Every structure is written in C-alpha cells, then in structure tokens.
C-alpha cells in the first residue's frame, strides 16, 4: 500500500467542504461554478479544495470549452478502501469466535 497516497487522501478528506464537494461530483462531472453555488462557497474556495482533491487523486478535471468539470476518480478512493478492507477479516474472525463461544455457553 502506498502510504504517501493514503496520507494525501486522508488529509484531503479531513475537510468537511472537500467531503461535500466529493459527494456532489460522485454523481457525474460538475463545473466549479455549480459546485460553488450548491455549497454556498466562492469559486475561489471551491477551486482551492478541488486542487487538494485532485492532488490527492480523488477527483479528475477536464475542460469543456471555458468550463472546468470535475468528477470522482474511483481509482483514487481505492487506496482508502484498501486500508479499511484490511480491518474486516480480523473483525469478522473475532465476531465469528464471539458468536461461537456465546452459542457454546448457552448450550
């Protein structure tokens, strides 16, 4: 696992405005102005947050004429998913043992 990419992703996601932006663009490409209006932020603030998200690999930007459109990069989210996926086998094994032991105690 790339720990630098993980650190950048978690840093980018530590800000509530960036999480809100990510939620908006997960449904498809959105222009900066539309994101700003939706969130009640200035375009300058949204542009700053999009830059952080883009540098962390969480969004991609494309041009459509004079507009910059942004969308989620699913590949960028994979580093965080992989980090959390490592916790599940251990937790599921513990849960299984707890249930089995509770069943043995009841029987």
PDB file of N, CA and C in Angstrom:
ATOM      1  N   UNK A   1       0.844  -1.180   0.000  1.00  0.00           N
ATOM      2  CA  UNK A   1       0.000   0.000   0.000  1.00  0.00           C
ATOM      3  C   UNK A   1       0.886   1.239   0.000  1.00  0.00           C
ATOM      4  N   UNK A   2       0.533   2.211  -0.784  1.00  0.00           N
ATOM      5  CA  UNK A   2       1.292   3.448  -0.889  1.00  0.00           C
ATOM      6  C   UNK A   2       0.896   4.374   0.255  1.00  0.00           C
ATOM      7  N   UNK A   3       1.757   4.481   1.278  1.00  0.00           N
ATOM      8  CA  UNK A   3       1.396   5.269   2.457  1.00  0.00           C
ATOM      9  C   UNK A   3       1.312   6.763   2.155  1.00  0.00           C
ATOM     10  N   UNK A   4       2.093   7.266   1.196  1.00  0.00           N
ATOM     11  CA  UNK A   4       2.006   8.683   0.829  1.00  0.00           C
ATOM     12  C   UNK A   4       0.636   8.982   0.208  1.00  0.00           C
ATOM     13  N   UNK A   5       0.185   8.120  -0.681  1.00  0.00           N
ATOM     14  CA  UNK A   5      -1.130   8.311  -1.302  1.00  0.00           C
ATOM     15  C   UNK A   5      -2.227   8.226  -0.246  1.00  0.00           C
ATOM     16  N   UNK A   6      -2.086   7.323   0.705  1.00  0.00           N
ATOM     17  CA  UNK A   6      -3.067   7.183   1.774  1.00  0.00           C
ATOM     18  C   UNK A   6      -3.097   8.448   2.634  1.00  0.00           C
ATOM     19  N   UNK A   7      -1.926   8.960   2.994  1.00  0.00           N
ATOM     20  CA  UNK A   7      -1.847  10.193   3.783  1.00  0.00           C
ATOM     21  C   UNK A   7      -2.496  11.356   3.052  1.00  0.00           C
ATOM     22  N   UNK A   8      -2.220  11.484   1.752  1.00  0.00           N
ATOM     23  CA  UNK A   8      -2.802  12.573   0.969  1.00  0.00           C
ATOM     24  C   UNK A   8      -4.318  12.440   0.877  1.00  0.00           C
ATOM     25  N   UNK A   9      -4.804  11.219   0.691  1.00  0.00           N
ATOM     26  CA  UNK A   9      -6.250  11.000   0.605  1.00  0.00           C
ATOM     27  C   UNK A   9      -6.919  11.343   1.929  1.00  0.00           C
ATOM     28  N   UNK A  10      -6.357  10.874   3.039  1.00  0.00           N
ATOM     29  CA  UNK A  10      -6.959  11.166   4.341  1.00  0.00           C
ATOM     30  C   UNK A  10      -6.889  12.654   4.660  1.00  0.00           C
ATOM     31  N   UNK A  11      -5.780  13.296   4.307  1.00  0.00           N
ATOM     32  CA  UNK A  11      -5.679  14.751   4.514  1.00  0.00           C
ATOM     33  C   UNK A  11      -6.761  15.469   3.716  1.00  0.00           C
ATOM     34  N   UNK A  12      -6.919  15.077   2.460  1.00  0.00           N
ATOM     35  CA  UNK A  12      -7.922  15.725   1.608  1.00  0.00           C
ATOM     36  C   UNK A  12      -9.322  15.517   2.173  1.00  0.00           C
ATOM     37  N   UNK A  13      -9.586  14.349   2.707  1.00  0.00           N
ATOM     38  CA  UNK A  13     -10.911  14.030   3.226  1.00  0.00           C
ATOM     39  C   UNK A  13     -11.147  14.558   4.634  1.00  0.00           C
ATOM     40  N   UNK A  14     -10.114  15.136   5.263  1.00  0.00           N
ATOM     41  CA  UNK A  14     -10.263  15.643   6.627  1.00  0.00           C
ATOM     42  C   UNK A  14     -11.064  16.935   6.685  1.00  0.00           C
ATOM     43  N   UNK A  15     -11.284  17.558   5.545  1.00  0.00           N
ATOM     44  CA  UNK A  15     -12.018  18.824   5.498  1.00  0.00           C
ATOM     45  C   UNK A  15     -13.465  18.574   5.064  1.00  0.00           C
ATOM     46  N   UNK A  16     -14.401  19.101   5.816  1.00  0.00           N
ATOM     47  CA  UNK A  16     -15.815  18.909   5.527  1.00  0.00           C
ATOM     48  C   UNK A  16     -16.245  19.452   4.173  1.00  0.00           C
ATOM     49  N   UNK A  17     -15.689  20.593   3.764  1.00  0.00           N
ATOM     50  CA  UNK A  17     -16.030  21.144   2.450  1.00  0.00           C
ATOM     51  C   UNK A  17     -15.574  20.212   1.327  1.00  0.00           C
ATOM     52  N   UNK A  18     -14.402  19.611   1.493  1.00  0.00           N
ATOM     53  CA  UNK A  18     -13.912  18.695   0.466  1.00  0.00           C
ATOM     54  C   UNK A  18     -14.763  17.439   0.398  1.00  0.00           C
ATOM     55  N   UNK A  19     -15.207  16.953   1.557  1.00  0.00           N
ATOM     56  CA  UNK A  19     -16.104  15.792   1.540  1.00  0.00           C
ATOM     57  C   UNK A  19     -17.428  16.141   0.857  1.00  0.00           C
ATOM     58  N   UNK A  20     -17.922  17.354   1.088  1.00  0.00           N
ATOM     59  CA  UNK A  20     -19.161  17.795   0.439  1.00  0.00           C
ATOM     60  C   UNK A  20     -18.976  17.899  -1.069  1.00  0.00           C
ATOM     61  N   UNK A  21     -17.830  18.424  -1.493  1.00  0.00           N
ATOM     62  CA  UNK A  21     -17.537  18.522  -2.925  1.00  0.00           C
ATOM     63  C   UNK A  21     -17.473  17.130  -3.537  1.00  0.00           C
ATOM     64  N   UNK A  22     -16.796  16.223  -2.871  1.00  0.00           N
ATOM     65  CA  UNK A  22     -16.681  14.850  -3.366  1.00  0.00           C
ATOM     66  C   UNK A  22     -18.063  14.211  -3.503  1.00  0.00           C
ATOM     67  N   UNK A  23     -18.930  14.450  -2.533  1.00  0.00           N
ATOM     68  CA  UNK A  23     -20.289  13.904  -2.607  1.00  0.00           C
ATOM     69  C   UNK A  23     -21.050  14.474  -3.800  1.00  0.00           C
ATOM     70  N   UNK A  24     -20.836  15.754  -4.102  1.00  0.00           N
ATOM     71  CA  UNK A  24     -21.517  16.373  -5.241  1.00  0.00           C
ATOM     72  C   UNK A  24     -21.041  15.816  -6.577  1.00  0.00           C
ATOM     73  N   UNK A  25     -19.753  15.593  -6.706  1.00  0.00           N
ATOM     74  CA  UNK A  25     -19.219  15.172  -8.009  1.00  0.00           C
ATOM     75  C   UNK A  25     -19.245  13.658  -8.205  1.00  0.00           C
ATOM     76  N   UNK A  26     -19.664  12.917  -7.206  1.00  0.00           N
ATOM     77  CA  UNK A  26     -19.720  11.460  -7.387  1.00  0.00           C
ATOM     78  C   UNK A  26     -20.812  11.047  -8.365  1.00  0.00           C
ATOM     79  N   UNK A  27     -21.790  11.918  -8.567  1.00  0.00           N
ATOM     80  CA  UNK A  27     -22.864  11.609  -9.496  1.00  0.00           C
ATOM     81  C   UNK A  27     -22.539  11.930 -10.943  1.00  0.00           C
ATOM     82  N   UNK A  28     -21.408  12.548 -11.190  1.00  0.00           N
ATOM     83  CA  UNK A  28     -21.019  12.905 -12.549  1.00  0.00           C
ATOM     84  C   UNK A  28     -20.241  14.211 -12.565  1.00  0.00           C
ATOM     85  N   UNK A  29     -19.777  14.558 -13.732  1.00  0.00           N
ATOM     86  CA  UNK A  29     -18.948  15.758 -13.883  1.00  0.00           C
ATOM     87  C   UNK A  29     -19.761  17.014 -13.565  1.00  0.00           C
ATOM     88  N   UNK A  30     -19.139  17.891 -12.747  1.00  0.00           N
ATOM     89  CA  UNK A  30     -19.797  19.132 -12.361  1.00  0.00           C
ATOM     90  C   UNK A  30     -18.827  20.291 -12.514  1.00  0.00           C
ATOM     91  N   UNK A  31     -19.314  21.449 -12.990  1.00  0.00           N
ATOM     92  CA  UNK A  31     -18.453  22.624 -13.115  1.00  0.00           C
ATOM     93  C   UNK A  31     -18.235  23.300 -11.760  1.00  0.00           C
ATOM     94  N   UNK A  32     -17.131  24.003 -11.650  1.00  0.00           N
ATOM     95  CA  UNK A  32     -16.753  24.685 -10.412  1.00  0.00           C
ATOM     96  C   UNK A  32     -17.869  25.622  -9.949  1.00  0.00           C
ATOM     97  N   UNK A  33     -18.404  26.418 -10.866  1.00  0.00           N
ATOM     98  CA  UNK A  33     -19.443  27.378 -10.504  1.00  0.00           C
ATOM     99  C   UNK A  33     -20.677  26.716  -9.920  1.00  0.00           C
ATOM    100  N   UNK A  34     -21.062  25.588 -10.463  1.00  0.00           N
ATOM    101  CA  UNK A  34     -22.227  24.851  -9.967  1.00  0.00           C
ATOM    102  C   UNK A  34     -21.956  24.290  -8.569  1.00  0.00           C
ATOM    103  N   UNK A  35     -20.755  23.793  -8.365  1.00  0.00           N
ATOM    104  CA  UNK A  35     -20.370  23.266  -7.044  1.00  0.00           C
ATOM    105  C   UNK A  35     -20.402  24.401  -6.018  1.00  0.00           C
ATOM    106  N   UNK A  36     -19.847  25.540  -6.402  1.00  0.00           N
ATOM    107  CA  UNK A  36     -19.796  26.700  -5.506  1.00  0.00           C
ATOM    108  C   UNK A  36     -21.205  27.140  -5.118  1.00  0.00           C
ATOM    109  N   UNK A  37     -22.078  27.236  -6.099  1.00  0.00           N
ATOM    110  CA  UNK A  37     -23.455  27.652  -5.839  1.00  0.00           C
ATOM    111  C   UNK A  37     -24.157  26.657  -4.925  1.00  0.00           C
ATOM    112  N   UNK A  38     -24.008  25.390  -5.225  1.00  0.00           N
ATOM    113  CA  UNK A  38     -24.662  24.331  -4.444  1.00  0.00           C
ATOM    114  C   UNK A  38     -24.234  24.362  -2.982  1.00  0.00           C
ATOM    115  N   UNK A  39     -22.953  24.635  -2.737  1.00  0.00           N
ATOM    116  CA  UNK A  39     -22.423  24.594  -1.374  1.00  0.00           C
ATOM    117  C   UNK A  39     -22.400  25.964  -0.690  1.00  0.00           C
ATOM    118  N   UNK A  40     -22.716  27.017  -1.429  1.00  0.00           N
ATOM    119  CA  UNK A  40     -22.693  28.353  -0.849  1.00  0.00           C
ATOM    120  C   UNK A  40     -21.288  28.860  -0.567  1.00  0.00           C
ATOM    121  N   UNK A  41     -20.345  28.430  -1.389  1.00  0.00           N
ATOM    122  CA  UNK A  41     -18.942  28.839  -1.260  1.00  0.00           C
ATOM    123  C   UNK A  41     -18.545  29.665  -2.479  1.00  0.00           C
ATOM    124  N   UNK A  42     -17.459  30.419  -2.355  1.00  0.00           N
ATOM    125  CA  UNK A  42     -16.964  31.161  -3.519  1.00  0.00           C
ATOM    126  C   UNK A  42     -16.271  30.197  -4.475  1.00  0.00           C
ATOM    127  N   UNK A  43     -16.196  30.581  -5.733  1.00  0.00           N
ATOM    128  CA  UNK A  43     -15.498  29.741  -6.713  1.00  0.00           C
ATOM    129  C   UNK A  43     -14.029  29.597  -6.351  1.00  0.00           C
ATOM    130  N   UNK A  44     -13.452  30.640  -5.773  1.00  0.00           N
ATOM    131  CA  UNK A  44     -12.048  30.583  -5.378  1.00  0.00           C
ATOM    132  C   UNK A  44     -11.829  29.519  -4.294  1.00  0.00           C
ATOM    133  N   UNK A  45     -12.721  29.475  -3.316  1.00  0.00           N
ATOM    134  CA  UNK A  45     -12.606  28.474  -2.251  1.00  0.00           C
ATOM    135  C   UNK A  45     -12.796  27.071  -2.821  1.00  0.00           C
ATOM    136  N   UNK A  46     -13.789  26.898  -3.676  1.00  0.00           N
ATOM    137  CA  UNK A  46     -14.038  25.591  -4.287  1.00  0.00           C
ATOM    138  C   UNK A  46     -12.837  25.168  -5.127  1.00  0.00           C
ATOM    139  N   UNK A  47     -12.283  26.094  -5.884  1.00  0.00           N
ATOM    140  CA  UNK A  47     -11.106  25.778  -6.706  1.00  0.00           C
ATOM    141  C   UNK A  47      -9.947  25.304  -5.844  1.00  0.00           C
ATOM    142  N   UNK A  48      -9.751  25.950  -4.705  1.00  0.00           N
ATOM    143  CA  UNK A  48      -8.681  25.533  -3.788  1.00  0.00           C
ATOM    144  C   UNK A  48      -8.921  24.095  -3.309  1.00  0.00           C
ATOM    145  N   UNK A  49     -10.147  23.813  -2.873  1.00  0.00           N
ATOM    146  CA  UNK A  49     -10.453  22.476  -2.379  1.00  0.00           C
ATOM    147  C   UNK A  49     -10.343  21.431  -3.491  1.00  0.00           C
ATOM    148  N   UNK A  50     -10.754  21.779  -4.695  1.00  0.00           N
ATOM    149  CA  UNK A  50     -10.632  20.856  -5.822  1.00  0.00           C
ATOM    150  C   UNK A  50      -9.170  20.563  -6.138  1.00  0.00           C
ATOM    151  N   UNK A  51      -8.326  21.563  -5.974  1.00  0.00           N
ATOM    152  CA  UNK A  51      -6.891  21.347  -6.205  1.00  0.00           C
ATOM    153  C   UNK A  51      -6.351  20.311  -5.216  1.00  0.00           C
ATOM    154  N   UNK A  52      -6.736  20.430  -3.946  1.00  0.00           N
ATOM    155  CA  UNK A  52      -6.290  19.469  -2.930  1.00  0.00           C
ATOM    156  C   UNK A  52      -6.813  18.070  -3.265  1.00  0.00           C
ATOM    157  N   UNK A  53      -8.086  17.988  -3.639  1.00  0.00           N
ATOM    158  CA  UNK A  53      -8.675  16.695  -4.001  1.00  0.00           C
ATOM    159  C   UNK A  53      -8.009  16.102  -5.242  1.00  0.00           C
ATOM    160  N   UNK A  54      -7.696  16.957  -6.213  1.00  0.00           N
ATOM    161  CA  UNK A  54      -7.038  16.492  -7.444  1.00  0.00           C
ATOM    162  C   UNK A  54      -5.626  16.001  -7.142  1.00  0.00           C
ATOM    163  N   UNK A  55      -4.879  16.741  -6.327  1.00  0.00           N
ATOM    164  CA  UNK A  55      -3.511  16.332  -5.982  1.00  0.00           C
ATOM    165  C   UNK A  55      -3.493  15.024  -5.189  1.00  0.00           C
ATOM    166  N   UNK A  56      -4.573  14.759  -4.453  1.00  0.00           N
ATOM    167  CA  UNK A  56      -4.680  13.502  -3.708  1.00  0.00           C
ATOM    168  C   UNK A  56      -5.186  12.370  -4.595  1.00  0.00           C
ATOM    169  N   UNK A  57      -5.535  12.693  -5.835  1.00  0.00           N
ATOM    170  CA  UNK A  57      -6.001  11.678  -6.773  1.00  0.00           C
ATOM    171  C   UNK A  57      -7.456  11.288  -6.590  1.00  0.00           C
ATOM    172  N   UNK A  58      -8.225  12.115  -5.885  1.00  0.00           N
ATOM    173  CA  UNK A  58      -9.616  11.777  -5.588  1.00  0.00           C
ATOM    174  C   UNK A  58     -10.606  12.308  -6.617  1.00  0.00           C
ATOM    175  N   UNK A  59     -10.213  13.332  -7.367  1.00  0.00           N
ATOM    176  CA  UNK A  59     -11.056  13.853  -8.447  1.00  0.00           C
ATOM    177  C   UNK A  59     -10.188  14.073  -9.675  1.00  0.00           C
ATOM    178  N   UNK A  60     -10.852  14.118 -10.824  1.00  0.00           N
ATOM    179  CA  UNK A  60     -10.162  14.472 -12.063  1.00  0.00           C
ATOM    180  C   UNK A  60     -10.887  15.666 -12.658  1.00  0.00           C
ATOM    181  N   UNK A  61     -10.137  16.464 -13.367  1.00  0.00           N
ATOM    182  CA  UNK A  61     -10.711  17.639 -14.002  1.00  0.00           C
ATOM    183  C   UNK A  61     -10.526  17.595 -15.508  1.00  0.00           C
ATOM    184  N   UNK A  62     -11.557  18.019 -16.222  1.00  0.00           N
ATOM    185  CA  UNK A  62     -11.481  18.123 -17.676  1.00  0.00           C
ATOM    186  C   UNK A  62     -12.045  19.478 -18.080  1.00  0.00           C
ATOM    187  N   UNK A  63     -11.708  19.890 -19.283  1.00  0.00           N
ATOM    188  CA  UNK A  63     -12.222  21.158 -19.799  1.00  0.00           C
ATOM    189  C   UNK A  63     -13.325  20.875 -20.799  1.00  0.00           C
ATOM    190  N   UNK A  64     -14.342  21.711 -20.737  1.00  0.00           N
ATOM    191  CA  UNK A  64     -15.422  21.689 -21.709  1.00  0.00           C
ATOM    192  C   UNK A  64     -15.621  23.138 -22.121  1.00  0.00           C
ATOM    193  N   UNK A  65     -14.921  23.539 -23.162  1.00  0.00           N
ATOM    194  CA  UNK A  65     -14.925  24.950 -23.553  1.00  0.00           C
ATOM    195  C   UNK A  65     -14.207  25.766 -22.491  1.00  0.00           C
ATOM    196  N   UNK A  66     -14.926  26.691 -21.877  1.00  0.00           N
ATOM    197  CA  UNK A  66     -14.317  27.532 -20.836  1.00  0.00           C
ATOM    198  C   UNK A  66     -14.559  26.981 -19.439  1.00  0.00           C
ATOM    199  N   UNK A  67     -15.329  25.907 -19.342  1.00  0.00           N
ATOM    200  CA  UNK A  67     -15.651  25.352 -18.025  1.00  0.00           C
ATOM    201  C   UNK A  67     -14.691  24.231 -17.645  1.00  0.00           C
ATOM    202  N   UNK A  68     -14.398  24.163 -16.370  1.00  0.00           N
ATOM    203  CA  UNK A  68     -13.649  23.040 -15.809  1.00  0.00           C
ATOM    204  C   UNK A  68     -14.663  22.135 -15.113  1.00  0.00           C
ATOM    205  N   UNK A  69     -14.678  20.885 -15.532  1.00  0.00           N
ATOM    206  CA  UNK A  69     -15.609  19.916 -14.960  1.00  0.00           C
ATOM    207  C   UNK A  69     -14.829  18.917 -14.106  1.00  0.00           C
ATOM    208  N   UNK A  70     -15.398  18.581 -12.956  1.00  0.00           N
ATOM    209  CA  UNK A  70     -14.720  17.673 -12.035  1.00  0.00           C
ATOM    210  C   UNK A  70     -15.602  16.469 -11.737  1.00  0.00           C
ATOM    211  N   UNK A  71     -14.963  15.325 -11.564  1.00  0.00           N
ATOM    212  CA  UNK A  71     -15.659  14.080 -11.246  1.00  0.00           C
ATOM    213  C   UNK A  71     -14.789  13.256 -10.302  1.00  0.00           C
ATOM    214  N   UNK A  72     -15.409  12.343  -9.599  1.00  0.00           N
ATOM    215  CA  UNK A  72     -14.689  11.442  -8.687  1.00  0.00           C
ATOM    216  C   UNK A  72     -13.789  10.513  -9.495  1.00  0.00           C
ATOM    217  N   UNK A  73     -12.608  10.267  -8.966  1.00  0.00           N
ATOM    218  CA  UNK A  73     -11.713   9.244  -9.505  1.00  0.00           C
ATOM    219  C   UNK A  73     -11.831   8.035  -8.575  1.00  0.00           C
ATOM    220  N   UNK A  74     -12.554   7.042  -9.006  1.00  0.00           N
ATOM    221  CA  UNK A  74     -12.772   5.852  -8.182  1.00  0.00           C
ATOM    222  C   UNK A  74     -11.428   5.217  -7.824  1.00  0.00           C
ATOM    223  N   UNK A  75     -10.496   5.269  -8.760  1.00  0.00           N
ATOM    224  CA  UNK A  75      -9.169   4.696  -8.500  1.00  0.00           C
ATOM    225  C   UNK A  75      -8.494   5.398  -7.322  1.00  0.00           C
ATOM    226  N   UNK A  76      -8.730   6.685  -7.181  1.00  0.00           N
ATOM    227  CA  UNK A  76      -8.144   7.445  -6.077  1.00  0.00           C
ATOM    228  C   UNK A  76      -8.715   7.036  -4.730  1.00  0.00           C
ATOM    229  N   UNK A  77      -9.977   6.637  -4.729  1.00  0.00           N
ATOM    230  CA  UNK A  77     -10.610   6.200  -3.488  1.00  0.00           C
ATOM    231  C   UNK A  77     -10.169   4.796  -3.091  1.00  0.00           C
ATOM    232  N   UNK A  78      -9.619   4.052  -4.030  1.00  0.00           N
ATOM    233  CA  UNK A  78      -9.235   2.653  -3.778  1.00  0.00           C
ATOM    234  C   UNK A  78      -8.181   2.535  -2.686  1.00  0.00           C
ATOM    235  N   UNK A  79      -7.293   3.516  -2.556  1.00  0.00           N
ATOM    236  CA  UNK A  79      -6.236   3.438  -1.538  1.00  0.00           C
ATOM    237  C   UNK A  79      -6.847   3.460  -0.139  1.00  0.00           C
ATOM    238  N   UNK A  80      -7.859   4.278   0.075  1.00  0.00           N
ATOM    239  CA  UNK A  80      -8.543   4.309   1.369  1.00  0.00           C
ATOM    240  C   UNK A  80      -9.341   3.048   1.611  1.00  0.00           C
ATOM    241  N   UNK A  81     -10.006   2.573   0.566  1.00  0.00           N
ATOM    242  CA  UNK A  81     -10.787   1.338   0.678  1.00  0.00           C
ATOM    243  C   UNK A  81      -9.872   0.167   1.042  1.00  0.00           C
ATOM    244  N   UNK A  82      -8.721   0.090   0.391  1.00  0.00           N
ATOM    245  CA  UNK A  82      -7.778  -0.996   0.671  1.00  0.00           C
ATOM    246  C   UNK A  82      -7.307  -0.950   2.126  1.00  0.00           C
ATOM    247  N   UNK A  83      -7.085   0.249   2.642  1.00  0.00           N
ATOM    248  CA  UNK A  83      -6.668   0.398   4.035  1.00  0.00           C
ATOM    249  C   UNK A  83      -7.728  -0.167   4.974  1.00  0.00           C
ATOM    250  N   UNK A  84      -8.985   0.198   4.758  1.00  0.00           N
ATOM    251  CA  UNK A  84     -10.048  -0.266   5.632  1.00  0.00           C
ATOM    252  C   UNK A  84     -10.390  -1.737   5.408  1.00  0.00           C
ATOM    253  N   UNK A  85     -10.240  -2.216   4.195  1.00  0.00           N
ATOM    254  CA  UNK A  85     -10.510  -3.625   3.916  1.00  0.00           C
ATOM    255  C   UNK A  85      -9.622  -4.538   4.747  1.00  0.00           C
ATOM    256  N   UNK A  86      -8.422  -4.074   5.075  1.00  0.00           N
ATOM    257  CA  UNK A  86      -7.504  -4.879   5.884  1.00  0.00           C
ATOM    258  C   UNK A  86      -8.057  -5.150   7.283  1.00  0.00           C
ATOM    259  N   UNK A  87      -8.976  -4.318   7.749  1.00  0.00           N
ATOM    260  CA  UNK A  87      -9.526  -4.498   9.089  1.00  0.00           C
ATOM    261  C   UNK A  87     -10.633  -5.543   9.142  1.00  0.00           C
ATOM    262  N   UNK A  88     -11.339  -5.744   8.048  1.00  0.00           N
ATOM    263  CA  UNK A  88     -12.515  -6.614   8.066  1.00  0.00           C
ATOM    264  C   UNK A  88     -12.236  -8.079   8.372  1.00  0.00           C
ATOM    265  N   UNK A  89     -11.245  -8.726   7.769  1.00  0.00           N
ATOM    266  CA  UNK A  89     -11.046 -10.153   8.087  1.00  0.00           C
ATOM    267  C   UNK A  89     -10.827 -10.389   9.581  1.00  0.00           C
ATOM    268  N   UNK A  90     -10.043  -9.519  10.214  1.00  0.00           N
ATOM    269  CA  UNK A  90      -9.782  -9.654  11.647  1.00  0.00           C
ATOM    270  C   UNK A  90     -11.076  -9.481  12.444  1.00  0.00           C
ATOM    271  N   UNK A  91     -11.854  -8.476  12.097  1.00  0.00           N
ATOM    272  CA  UNK A  91     -13.105  -8.211  12.812  1.00  0.00           C
ATOM    273  C   UNK A  91     -14.113  -9.351  12.611  1.00  0.00           C
ATOM    274  N   UNK A  92     -14.203  -9.861  11.399  1.00  0.00           N
ATOM    275  CA  UNK A  92     -15.141 -10.946  11.124  1.00  0.00           C
ATOM    276  C   UNK A  92     -14.744 -12.218  11.861  1.00  0.00           C
ATOM    277  N   UNK A  93     -13.455 -12.485  11.936  1.00  0.00           N
ATOM    278  CA  UNK A  93     -12.974 -13.656  12.668  1.00  0.00           C
ATOM    279  C   UNK A  93     -13.308 -13.523  14.146  1.00  0.00           C
ATOM    280  N   UNK A  94     -13.098 -12.332  14.702  1.00  0.00           N
ATOM    281  CA  UNK A  94     -13.429 -12.089  16.107  1.00  0.00           C
ATOM    282  C   UNK A  94     -14.925 -12.264  16.361  1.00  0.00           C
ATOM    283  N   UNK A  95     -15.738 -11.723  15.457  1.00  0.00           N
ATOM    284  CA  UNK A  95     -17.186 -11.844  15.581  1.00  0.00           C
ATOM    285  C   UNK A  95     -17.608 -13.312  15.536  1.00  0.00           C
ATOM    286  N   UNK A  96     -17.020 -14.063  14.616  1.00  0.00           N
ATOM    287  CA  UNK A  96     -17.337 -15.491  14.489  1.00  0.00           C
ATOM    288  C   UNK A  96     -17.023 -16.223  15.795  1.00  0.00           C
ATOM    289  N   UNK A  97     -15.835 -15.949  16.359  1.00  0.00           N
ATOM    290  CA  UNK A  97     -15.446 -16.612  17.613  1.00  0.00           C
ATOM    291  C   UNK A  97     -16.364 -16.200  18.758  1.00  0.00           C
ATOM    292  N   UNK A  98     -16.752 -14.948  18.800  1.00  0.00           N
ATOM    293  CA  UNK A  98     -17.650 -14.465  19.853  1.00  0.00           C
ATOM    294  C   UNK A  98     -18.996 -15.167  19.770  1.00  0.00           C
ATOM    295  N   UNK A  99     -19.524 -15.276  18.565  1.00  0.00           N
ATOM    296  CA  UNK A  99     -20.816 -15.936  18.370  1.00  0.00           C
ATOM    297  C   UNK A  99     -20.721 -17.421  18.714  1.00  0.00           C
ATOM    298  N   UNK A 100     -19.652 -18.066  18.261  1.00  0.00           N
ATOM    299  CA  UNK A 100     -19.476 -19.485  18.555  1.00  0.00           C
ATOM    300  C   UNK A 100     -19.349 -19.719  20.059  1.00  0.00           C
ATOM    301  N   UNK A 101     -18.591 -18.859  20.730  1.00  0.00           N
ATOM    302  CA  UNK A 101     -18.408 -19.009  22.172  1.00  0.00           C
ATOM    303  C   UNK A 101     -19.707 -18.719  22.929  1.00  0.00           C
ATOM    304  N   UNK A 102     -20.489 -17.774  22.457  1.00  0.00           N
ATOM    305  CA  UNK A 102     -21.782 -17.471  23.098  1.00  0.00           C
ATOM    306  C   UNK A 102     -22.728 -18.651  22.914  1.00  0.00           C
ATOM    307  N   UNK A 103     -22.700 -19.268  21.742  1.00  0.00           N
ATOM    308  CA  UNK A 103     -23.549 -20.429  21.477  1.00  0.00           C
ATOM    309  C   UNK A 103     -23.151 -21.616  22.344  1.00  0.00           C
ATOM    310  N   UNK A 104     -21.855 -21.800  22.551  1.00  0.00           N
ATOM    311  CA  UNK A 104     -21.370 -22.903  23.385  1.00  0.00           C
ATOM    312  C   UNK A 104     -21.746 -22.677  24.844  1.00  0.00           C
ATOM    313  N   UNK A 105     -21.742 -21.425  25.274  1.00  0.00           N
ATOM    314  CA  UNK A 105     -22.087 -21.105  26.671  1.00  0.00           C
ATOM    315  C   UNK A 105     -23.566 -21.287  26.922  1.00  0.00           C
ATOM    316  N   UNK A 106     -24.395 -21.050  25.885  1.00  0.00           N
ATOM    317  CA  UNK A 106     -25.847 -21.201  26.020  1.00  0.00           C
ATOM    318  C   UNK A 106     -26.276 -22.664  25.993  1.00  0.00           C
ATOM    319  N   UNK A 107     -25.477 -23.510  25.334  1.00  0.00           N
ATOM    320  CA  UNK A 107     -25.863 -24.909  25.125  1.00  0.00           C
ATOM    321  C   UNK A 107     -25.520 -25.741  26.248  1.00  0.00           C
TER     322      UNK A 107
END
